[in-house]
N, C-alpha and C. Protein backbone atom coordinates (compact mmCIF):
# COMPACT_ATOMS: atom_id res chain seq x y z
N MET A 1 90.84 -84.07 -145.62
CA MET A 1 90.75 -84.87 -144.38
C MET A 1 89.79 -86.01 -144.69
N GLU A 2 90.19 -87.21 -144.29
CA GLU A 2 89.34 -88.39 -144.39
C GLU A 2 88.82 -88.76 -143.01
N TYR A 3 87.58 -89.21 -142.98
CA TYR A 3 86.90 -89.61 -141.74
C TYR A 3 86.36 -91.01 -141.91
N VAL A 4 86.65 -91.86 -140.92
CA VAL A 4 86.14 -93.24 -140.92
C VAL A 4 85.52 -93.52 -139.58
N PHE A 5 84.20 -93.88 -139.64
CA PHE A 5 83.46 -94.22 -138.43
C PHE A 5 83.53 -95.70 -138.22
N GLY A 6 83.63 -96.12 -136.97
CA GLY A 6 83.67 -97.53 -136.70
C GLY A 6 83.32 -97.86 -135.24
N ASN A 7 83.59 -99.07 -134.84
CA ASN A 7 83.33 -99.56 -133.49
C ASN A 7 84.56 -100.31 -132.95
N THR A 8 84.83 -100.13 -131.69
CA THR A 8 85.83 -100.94 -131.02
C THR A 8 85.13 -101.49 -129.83
N GLY A 9 84.77 -102.75 -129.93
CA GLY A 9 83.94 -103.35 -128.85
C GLY A 9 82.62 -102.63 -128.75
N SER A 10 82.29 -102.08 -127.59
CA SER A 10 81.04 -101.39 -127.39
C SER A 10 81.15 -99.90 -127.64
N LYS A 11 82.35 -99.41 -127.98
CA LYS A 11 82.57 -97.98 -128.19
C LYS A 11 82.54 -97.64 -129.62
N LYS A 12 81.91 -96.46 -129.94
CA LYS A 12 81.94 -95.93 -131.28
C LYS A 12 83.21 -95.12 -131.47
N THR A 13 83.78 -95.21 -132.65
CA THR A 13 85.05 -94.49 -132.87
C THR A 13 85.02 -93.70 -134.16
N LEU A 14 85.95 -92.73 -134.25
CA LEU A 14 86.17 -91.96 -135.48
C LEU A 14 87.66 -91.93 -135.68
N LYS A 15 88.07 -92.23 -136.90
CA LYS A 15 89.50 -92.14 -137.28
C LYS A 15 89.63 -91.01 -138.29
N THR A 16 90.56 -90.11 -138.11
CA THR A 16 90.81 -89.06 -139.08
C THR A 16 92.18 -89.30 -139.71
N LYS A 17 92.30 -88.94 -140.98
CA LYS A 17 93.56 -89.07 -141.70
C LYS A 17 93.77 -87.80 -142.53
N GLY A 18 94.93 -87.20 -142.38
CA GLY A 18 95.14 -85.95 -143.12
C GLY A 18 96.60 -85.54 -143.09
N ASP A 19 96.86 -84.29 -143.56
CA ASP A 19 98.21 -83.78 -143.62
C ASP A 19 98.74 -83.37 -142.24
N SER A 20 97.80 -83.08 -141.33
CA SER A 20 98.23 -82.65 -139.97
C SER A 20 97.26 -83.35 -138.98
N HIS A 21 97.67 -83.34 -137.72
CA HIS A 21 96.88 -83.92 -136.68
C HIS A 21 95.66 -83.04 -136.36
N THR A 22 94.64 -83.66 -135.85
CA THR A 22 93.42 -82.91 -135.47
C THR A 22 93.34 -82.85 -133.94
N ASP A 23 92.57 -81.92 -133.50
CA ASP A 23 92.32 -81.78 -132.05
C ASP A 23 90.84 -81.47 -131.86
N LEU A 24 90.00 -82.45 -132.12
CA LEU A 24 88.57 -82.27 -132.12
C LEU A 24 87.98 -82.38 -130.71
N ILE A 25 87.02 -81.50 -130.41
CA ILE A 25 86.30 -81.56 -129.17
C ILE A 25 84.83 -81.20 -129.42
N GLY A 26 83.93 -81.68 -128.56
CA GLY A 26 82.54 -81.25 -128.66
C GLY A 26 81.75 -81.90 -129.81
N PHE A 27 80.69 -81.21 -130.18
CA PHE A 27 79.80 -81.70 -131.24
C PHE A 27 80.33 -81.25 -132.62
N HIS A 28 80.11 -82.13 -133.59
CA HIS A 28 80.53 -81.85 -134.97
C HIS A 28 79.50 -82.32 -135.96
N GLN A 29 79.51 -81.68 -137.10
CA GLN A 29 78.68 -82.08 -138.22
C GLN A 29 79.60 -82.19 -139.45
N LEU A 30 79.57 -83.32 -140.07
CA LEU A 30 80.44 -83.62 -141.22
C LEU A 30 79.53 -83.84 -142.45
N ARG A 31 79.69 -83.06 -143.47
CA ARG A 31 78.89 -83.22 -144.68
C ARG A 31 79.76 -83.65 -145.84
N ARG A 32 79.34 -84.72 -146.52
CA ARG A 32 80.08 -85.22 -147.70
C ARG A 32 79.09 -85.33 -148.87
N ASP A 33 79.43 -84.58 -149.92
CA ASP A 33 78.59 -84.55 -151.12
C ASP A 33 79.16 -85.47 -152.23
N TYR A 34 78.32 -86.33 -152.70
CA TYR A 34 78.68 -87.24 -153.81
C TYR A 34 77.73 -86.98 -154.96
N ASP A 35 77.97 -87.54 -156.11
CA ASP A 35 77.13 -87.36 -157.26
C ASP A 35 75.70 -87.85 -157.03
N ASP A 36 75.55 -88.98 -156.31
CA ASP A 36 74.24 -89.59 -156.14
C ASP A 36 73.63 -89.35 -154.74
N GLN A 37 74.35 -88.80 -153.81
CA GLN A 37 73.83 -88.61 -152.47
C GLN A 37 74.66 -87.64 -151.62
N THR A 38 74.07 -87.16 -150.55
CA THR A 38 74.75 -86.35 -149.55
C THR A 38 74.64 -87.07 -148.26
N ILE A 39 75.77 -87.26 -147.58
CA ILE A 39 75.79 -87.91 -146.25
C ILE A 39 76.21 -86.87 -145.20
N ILE A 40 75.39 -86.78 -144.20
CA ILE A 40 75.68 -85.86 -143.08
C ILE A 40 75.78 -86.68 -141.80
N ASP A 41 76.96 -86.62 -141.16
CA ASP A 41 77.18 -87.28 -139.87
C ASP A 41 77.24 -86.26 -138.77
N GLU A 42 76.48 -86.47 -137.73
CA GLU A 42 76.54 -85.62 -136.54
C GLU A 42 77.00 -86.46 -135.41
N PHE A 43 77.94 -85.98 -134.58
CA PHE A 43 78.50 -86.78 -133.51
C PHE A 43 79.14 -85.86 -132.45
N ARG A 44 79.43 -86.47 -131.31
CA ARG A 44 80.13 -85.73 -130.23
C ARG A 44 81.41 -86.46 -129.90
N ILE A 45 82.46 -85.71 -129.83
CA ILE A 45 83.78 -86.30 -129.42
C ILE A 45 83.81 -86.42 -127.91
N LEU A 46 84.12 -87.60 -127.43
CA LEU A 46 84.30 -87.81 -125.97
C LEU A 46 85.75 -87.62 -125.55
N LYS A 47 86.67 -88.29 -126.29
CA LYS A 47 88.10 -88.14 -125.99
C LYS A 47 88.95 -88.66 -127.15
N LYS A 48 90.15 -88.16 -127.20
CA LYS A 48 91.13 -88.67 -128.19
C LYS A 48 91.72 -89.96 -127.62
N ILE A 49 91.76 -91.00 -128.45
CA ILE A 49 92.24 -92.31 -128.00
C ILE A 49 93.69 -92.51 -128.34
N LYS A 50 94.07 -92.11 -129.58
CA LYS A 50 95.37 -92.46 -130.10
C LYS A 50 95.72 -91.51 -131.22
N THR A 51 97.02 -91.34 -131.44
CA THR A 51 97.51 -90.52 -132.55
C THR A 51 98.73 -91.23 -133.17
N ALA A 52 98.95 -91.13 -134.45
CA ALA A 52 100.06 -91.80 -135.13
C ALA A 52 100.39 -91.10 -136.42
N GLU A 53 101.50 -91.42 -136.99
CA GLU A 53 101.96 -90.97 -138.31
C GLU A 53 102.56 -92.12 -139.07
N ASP A 54 102.44 -92.12 -140.40
CA ASP A 54 103.08 -93.16 -141.16
C ASP A 54 104.29 -92.60 -141.89
N SER A 55 105.02 -93.44 -142.64
CA SER A 55 106.26 -93.07 -143.30
C SER A 55 105.99 -92.09 -144.45
N GLU A 56 104.73 -91.98 -144.92
CA GLU A 56 104.45 -91.06 -145.99
C GLU A 56 104.04 -89.70 -145.50
N GLY A 57 104.04 -89.50 -144.19
CA GLY A 57 103.68 -88.22 -143.60
C GLY A 57 102.21 -88.03 -143.32
N ASN A 58 101.40 -89.05 -143.45
CA ASN A 58 100.01 -88.98 -143.09
C ASN A 58 99.84 -89.01 -141.59
N CYS A 59 98.92 -88.18 -141.10
CA CYS A 59 98.65 -88.08 -139.67
C CYS A 59 97.32 -88.73 -139.35
N TYR A 60 97.31 -89.58 -138.35
CA TYR A 60 96.07 -90.31 -137.97
C TYR A 60 95.74 -89.94 -136.52
N ASP A 61 94.45 -89.77 -136.26
CA ASP A 61 93.95 -89.55 -134.92
C ASP A 61 92.68 -90.41 -134.73
N TRP A 62 92.58 -91.04 -133.56
CA TRP A 62 91.40 -91.84 -133.26
C TRP A 62 90.68 -91.20 -132.06
N TYR A 63 89.38 -91.19 -132.15
CA TYR A 63 88.55 -90.60 -131.11
C TYR A 63 87.46 -91.55 -130.71
N GLU A 64 87.04 -91.48 -129.43
CA GLU A 64 85.87 -92.15 -128.97
C GLU A 64 84.75 -91.15 -129.12
N ILE A 65 83.61 -91.57 -129.72
CA ILE A 65 82.49 -90.65 -129.97
C ILE A 65 81.22 -91.28 -129.43
N ASP A 66 80.19 -90.41 -129.33
CA ASP A 66 78.85 -90.90 -129.03
C ASP A 66 77.88 -89.93 -129.74
N SER A 67 76.58 -90.20 -129.54
CA SER A 67 75.53 -89.36 -130.15
C SER A 67 75.74 -89.28 -131.65
N HIS A 68 76.17 -90.38 -132.29
CA HIS A 68 76.41 -90.34 -133.74
C HIS A 68 75.09 -90.63 -134.46
N TYR A 69 74.79 -89.74 -135.39
CA TYR A 69 73.57 -89.88 -136.19
C TYR A 69 73.96 -89.59 -137.63
N ARG A 70 73.50 -90.44 -138.55
CA ARG A 70 73.81 -90.27 -140.00
C ARG A 70 72.49 -90.00 -140.78
N ILE A 71 72.58 -88.97 -141.60
CA ILE A 71 71.48 -88.64 -142.51
C ILE A 71 71.97 -88.89 -143.93
N THR A 72 71.23 -89.66 -144.73
CA THR A 72 71.59 -89.92 -146.12
C THR A 72 70.53 -89.29 -147.02
N ASP A 73 70.89 -88.28 -147.74
CA ASP A 73 69.98 -87.57 -148.60
C ASP A 73 70.25 -87.94 -150.06
N LYS A 74 69.31 -88.73 -150.63
CA LYS A 74 69.47 -89.11 -152.03
C LYS A 74 68.62 -88.24 -152.94
N PHE A 75 67.81 -87.37 -152.38
CA PHE A 75 66.91 -86.53 -153.20
C PHE A 75 67.63 -85.31 -153.74
N THR A 76 68.28 -84.56 -152.89
CA THR A 76 68.89 -83.27 -153.29
C THR A 76 69.84 -83.38 -154.46
N PRO A 77 70.77 -84.32 -154.48
CA PRO A 77 71.66 -84.41 -155.63
C PRO A 77 70.90 -84.73 -156.97
N ASN A 78 69.76 -85.40 -156.88
CA ASN A 78 69.01 -85.76 -158.04
C ASN A 78 67.76 -84.91 -158.25
N ARG A 79 67.72 -83.77 -157.56
CA ARG A 79 66.54 -82.91 -157.59
C ARG A 79 66.15 -82.43 -159.00
N GLU A 80 67.13 -82.00 -159.77
CA GLU A 80 66.81 -81.52 -161.12
C GLU A 80 66.19 -82.60 -161.98
N ALA A 81 66.75 -83.78 -161.92
CA ALA A 81 66.26 -84.87 -162.74
C ALA A 81 64.86 -85.27 -162.27
N ILE A 82 64.62 -85.30 -160.98
CA ILE A 82 63.32 -85.66 -160.45
C ILE A 82 62.27 -84.61 -160.81
N GLU A 83 62.63 -83.34 -160.63
CA GLU A 83 61.69 -82.25 -160.94
C GLU A 83 61.42 -82.20 -162.46
N GLY A 84 62.45 -82.54 -163.27
CA GLY A 84 62.28 -82.57 -164.73
C GLY A 84 61.25 -83.70 -165.11
N GLY A 85 61.39 -84.85 -164.42
CA GLY A 85 60.47 -85.95 -164.66
C GLY A 85 59.06 -85.58 -164.29
N ILE A 86 58.91 -84.89 -163.15
CA ILE A 86 57.57 -84.43 -162.71
C ILE A 86 56.98 -83.47 -163.74
N ALA A 87 57.77 -82.51 -164.25
CA ALA A 87 57.30 -81.53 -165.21
C ALA A 87 56.92 -82.27 -166.52
N ASP A 88 57.70 -83.23 -166.96
CA ASP A 88 57.35 -83.99 -168.18
C ASP A 88 56.03 -84.74 -168.01
N THR A 89 55.84 -85.36 -166.80
CA THR A 89 54.59 -86.07 -166.54
C THR A 89 53.42 -85.15 -166.52
N GLN A 90 53.59 -83.98 -165.91
CA GLN A 90 52.48 -82.99 -165.89
C GLN A 90 52.13 -82.54 -167.33
N ASP A 91 53.13 -82.30 -168.15
CA ASP A 91 52.91 -81.92 -169.55
C ASP A 91 52.14 -83.03 -170.27
N ALA A 92 52.52 -84.28 -170.08
CA ALA A 92 51.85 -85.38 -170.75
C ALA A 92 50.41 -85.49 -170.27
N ILE A 93 50.15 -85.28 -169.01
CA ILE A 93 48.78 -85.35 -168.49
C ILE A 93 47.93 -84.21 -169.16
N CYS A 94 48.52 -83.02 -169.27
CA CYS A 94 47.79 -81.90 -169.90
C CYS A 94 47.43 -82.22 -171.37
N GLU A 95 48.40 -82.86 -172.06
CA GLU A 95 48.13 -83.20 -173.47
C GLU A 95 47.03 -84.25 -173.54
N VAL A 96 47.03 -85.22 -172.71
CA VAL A 96 46.00 -86.24 -172.69
C VAL A 96 44.66 -85.62 -172.34
N SER A 97 44.65 -84.70 -171.42
CA SER A 97 43.45 -84.04 -171.00
C SER A 97 42.85 -83.22 -172.15
N GLU A 98 43.70 -82.51 -172.89
CA GLU A 98 43.24 -81.72 -174.02
C GLU A 98 42.65 -82.65 -175.10
N GLU A 99 43.30 -83.74 -175.38
CA GLU A 99 42.82 -84.69 -176.36
C GLU A 99 41.47 -85.32 -175.92
N LEU A 100 41.36 -85.58 -174.64
CA LEU A 100 40.10 -86.12 -174.10
C LEU A 100 38.95 -85.10 -174.22
N GLU A 101 39.26 -83.85 -173.94
CA GLU A 101 38.25 -82.81 -174.06
C GLU A 101 37.77 -82.67 -175.51
N GLN A 102 38.71 -82.75 -176.47
CA GLN A 102 38.35 -82.68 -177.88
C GLN A 102 37.51 -83.88 -178.28
N ARG A 103 37.82 -85.08 -177.83
CA ARG A 103 37.04 -86.25 -178.17
C ARG A 103 35.60 -86.13 -177.60
N ILE A 104 35.51 -85.64 -176.36
CA ILE A 104 34.19 -85.44 -175.78
C ILE A 104 33.34 -84.45 -176.58
N ALA A 105 34.03 -83.35 -177.01
CA ALA A 105 33.32 -82.33 -177.81
C ALA A 105 32.88 -82.95 -179.13
N ASP A 106 33.71 -83.78 -179.78
CA ASP A 106 33.33 -84.43 -181.05
C ASP A 106 32.12 -85.38 -180.84
N ILE A 107 32.10 -86.11 -179.71
CA ILE A 107 31.02 -87.02 -179.42
C ILE A 107 29.75 -86.23 -179.19
N GLU A 108 29.83 -85.12 -178.43
CA GLU A 108 28.66 -84.29 -178.19
C GLU A 108 28.11 -83.73 -179.53
N ASP A 109 29.03 -83.29 -180.38
CA ASP A 109 28.60 -82.78 -181.71
C ASP A 109 27.85 -83.87 -182.50
N ALA A 110 28.44 -85.06 -182.51
CA ALA A 110 27.85 -86.20 -183.25
C ALA A 110 26.49 -86.50 -182.69
N LEU A 111 26.32 -86.49 -181.38
CA LEU A 111 25.03 -86.75 -180.76
C LEU A 111 23.99 -85.73 -181.12
N CYS A 112 24.41 -84.49 -181.18
CA CYS A 112 23.49 -83.38 -181.54
C CYS A 112 23.04 -83.57 -182.97
N GLU A 113 23.89 -83.98 -183.89
CA GLU A 113 23.53 -84.20 -185.26
C GLU A 113 22.57 -85.35 -185.40
N LEU A 114 22.66 -86.37 -184.55
CA LEU A 114 21.77 -87.49 -184.61
C LEU A 114 20.35 -87.13 -184.15
N GLU A 115 20.23 -86.16 -183.32
CA GLU A 115 18.92 -85.81 -182.78
C GLU A 115 18.07 -85.07 -183.79
N ILE A 116 18.59 -84.56 -184.85
CA ILE A 116 17.87 -83.77 -185.84
C ILE A 116 16.97 -84.63 -186.66
């Protein structure tokens, strides 16, 4: 099923396209997952405006909607890559910290030898 959100004048609309007609009522949540993001649309169906079919057998339905809210989540699909980058950064910081501690210890030893 395909969903297309739009506007007709001052009214918000939803068009559906699929193998069969839809009969939507009430509140709905539509989730679409892509490689780079997840889009969640929440909306309320007010009424069916129109229905049609084309020569290829596709069924179309148009609805008037309100209370439409869209959430775009670009973090979750990239979570592993982001967390991997964080882990790599933490490892690099630990290595630098260990090297710094060794340098400080070497400097302290050198200073102790100078005092003799």
